[in-house]
Amino acid sequence: MTSIVRALGAFGRFWKDFLIGEAPELFLGTLIFVGAALALHHHGYVAVVLLPLIIVAFLGGSVFRGRAKS
């Protein structure tokens, strides 16, 4: 039983490191972008304006965070 628990823990840590890695704000931005795209799929003009703004905001935040670290 403990080997199964360890294997599941290692599997979970792998996916956390693979998906989130060193840039958790990009993972969060991706989730927000996909959620907004799903919520706005019937509102074409709003989606055309809002979705690129979400991408630019999160990428700009990531660049700002990266420059602050260096």
C-alpha atoms as a PDB file:
ATOM      1  CA  MET A   1       0.000   0.000   0.000  1.00  0.00           C
ATOM      2  CA  THR A   2       2.796   2.466   0.811  1.00  0.00           C
ATOM      3  CA  SER A   3       4.434   1.932  -2.579  1.00  0.00           C
ATOM      4  CA  ILE A   4       1.178   2.915  -4.283  1.00  0.00           C
ATOM      5  CA  VAL A   5       0.929   6.042  -2.139  1.00  0.00           C
ATOM      6  CA  ARG A   6       4.546   6.962  -2.915  1.00  0.00           C
ATOM      7  CA  ALA A   7       3.978   6.367  -6.636  1.00  0.00           C
ATOM      8  CA  LEU A   8       0.854   8.554  -6.603  1.00  0.00           C
ATOM      9  CA  GLY A   9       2.742  11.258  -4.700  1.00  0.00           C
ATOM     10  CA  ALA A  10       5.594  11.181  -7.201  1.00  0.00           C
ATOM     11  CA  PHE A  11       3.112  11.321 -10.074  1.00  0.00           C
ATOM     12  CA  GLY A  12       1.413  14.352  -8.521  1.00  0.00           C
ATOM     13  CA  ARG A  13       4.736  16.136  -7.901  1.00  0.00           C
ATOM     14  CA  PHE A  14       5.757  15.496 -11.518  1.00  0.00           C
ATOM     15  CA  TRP A  15       2.575  17.079 -12.897  1.00  0.00           C
ATOM     16  CA  LYS A  16       2.779  20.002 -10.484  1.00  0.00           C
ATOM     17  CA  ASP A  17       6.367  20.684 -11.536  1.00  0.00           C
ATOM     18  CA  PHE A  18       5.549  20.134 -15.223  1.00  0.00           C
ATOM     19  CA  LEU A  19       2.463  22.377 -15.313  1.00  0.00           C
ATOM     20  CA  ILE A  20       3.361  25.084 -12.819  1.00  0.00           C
ATOM     21  CA  GLY A  21       7.156  24.941 -12.730  1.00  0.00           C
ATOM     22  CA  GLU A  22       8.905  28.233 -12.065  1.00  0.00           C
ATOM     23  CA  ALA A  23       6.146  30.472 -13.437  1.00  0.00           C
ATOM     24  CA  PRO A  24       2.913  29.894 -11.512  1.00  0.00           C
ATOM     25  CA  GLU A  25       1.463  33.174 -12.833  1.00  0.00           C
ATOM     26  CA  LEU A  26       1.520  31.792 -16.381  1.00  0.00           C
ATOM     27  CA  PHE A  27      -0.317  28.667 -15.250  1.00  0.00           C
ATOM     28  CA  LEU A  28      -2.889  30.836 -13.480  1.00  0.00           C
ATOM     29  CA  GLY A  29      -3.149  33.062 -16.547  1.00  0.00           C
ATOM     30  CA  THR A  30      -3.759  30.047 -18.756  1.00  0.00           C
ATOM     31  CA  LEU A  31      -6.544  28.827 -16.479  1.00  0.00           C
ATOM     32  CA  ILE A  32      -8.138  32.276 -16.416  1.00  0.00           C
ATOM     33  CA  PHE A  33      -7.810  32.629 -20.193  1.00  0.00           C
ATOM     34  CA  VAL A  34      -9.405  29.238 -20.877  1.00  0.00           C
ATOM     35  CA  GLY A  35     -12.186  29.952 -18.378  1.00  0.00           C
ATOM     36  CA  ALA A  36     -12.871  33.360 -19.915  1.00  0.00           C
ATOM     37  CA  ALA A  37     -12.858  31.864 -23.418  1.00  0.00           C
ATOM     38  CA  LEU A  38     -15.391  29.264 -22.347  1.00  0.00           C
ATOM     39  CA  ALA A  39     -17.541  31.879 -20.612  1.00  0.00           C
ATOM     40  CA  LEU A  40     -17.433  34.290 -23.572  1.00  0.00           C
ATOM     41  CA  HIS A  41     -17.840  31.875 -26.458  1.00  0.00           C
ATOM     42  CA  HIS A  42     -21.292  33.353 -27.288  1.00  0.00           C
ATOM     43  CA  HIS A  43     -20.153  36.996 -27.011  1.00  0.00           C
ATOM     44  CA  GLY A  44     -17.839  37.366 -30.006  1.00  0.00           C
ATOM     45  CA  TYR A  45     -16.946  41.056 -29.838  1.00  0.00           C
ATOM     46  CA  VAL A  46     -16.324  41.053 -26.106  1.00  0.00           C
ATOM     47  CA  ALA A  47     -14.101  37.994 -26.442  1.00  0.00           C
ATOM     48  CA  VAL A  48     -12.118  39.577 -29.282  1.00  0.00           C
ATOM     49  CA  VAL A  49     -11.250  42.519 -27.034  1.00  0.00           C
ATOM     50  CA  LEU A  50     -11.017  40.866 -23.615  1.00  0.00           C
ATOM     51  CA  LEU A  51      -9.033  37.711 -24.363  1.00  0.00           C
ATOM     52  CA  PRO A  52      -5.974  39.447 -25.889  1.00  0.00           C
ATOM     53  CA  LEU A  53      -5.983  41.892 -22.966  1.00  0.00           C
ATOM     54  CA  ILE A  54      -5.850  38.970 -20.531  1.00  0.00           C
ATOM     55  CA  ILE A  55      -2.894  37.469 -22.394  1.00  0.00           C
ATOM     56  CA  VAL A  56      -0.993  40.774 -22.554  1.00  0.00           C
ATOM     57  CA  ALA A  57      -1.618  41.451 -18.851  1.00  0.00           C
ATOM     58  CA  PHE A  58      -0.333  38.072 -17.683  1.00  0.00           C
ATOM     59  CA  LEU A  59       2.662  38.033 -20.021  1.00  0.00           C
ATOM     60  CA  GLY A  60       3.537  41.589 -18.972  1.00  0.00           C
ATOM     61  CA  GLY A  61       3.281  40.557 -15.328  1.00  0.00           C
ATOM     62  CA  SER A  62       5.524  37.588 -15.976  1.00  0.00           C
ATOM     63  CA  VAL A  63       8.143  39.761 -17.672  1.00  0.00           C
ATOM     64  CA  PHE A  64       7.984  42.276 -14.831  1.00  0.00           C
ATOM     65  CA  ARG A  65       8.381  39.483 -12.267  1.00  0.00           C
ATOM     66  CA  GLY A  66      11.324  38.021 -14.221  1.00  0.00           C
ATOM     67  CA  ARG A  67      13.094  41.379 -14.433  1.00  0.00           C
ATOM     68  CA  ALA A  68      12.548  41.990 -10.715  1.00  0.00           C
ATOM     69  CA  LYS A  69      14.288  38.682  -9.889  1.00  0.00           C
ATOM     70  CA  SER A  70      17.388  39.436 -11.973  1.00  0.00           C
END
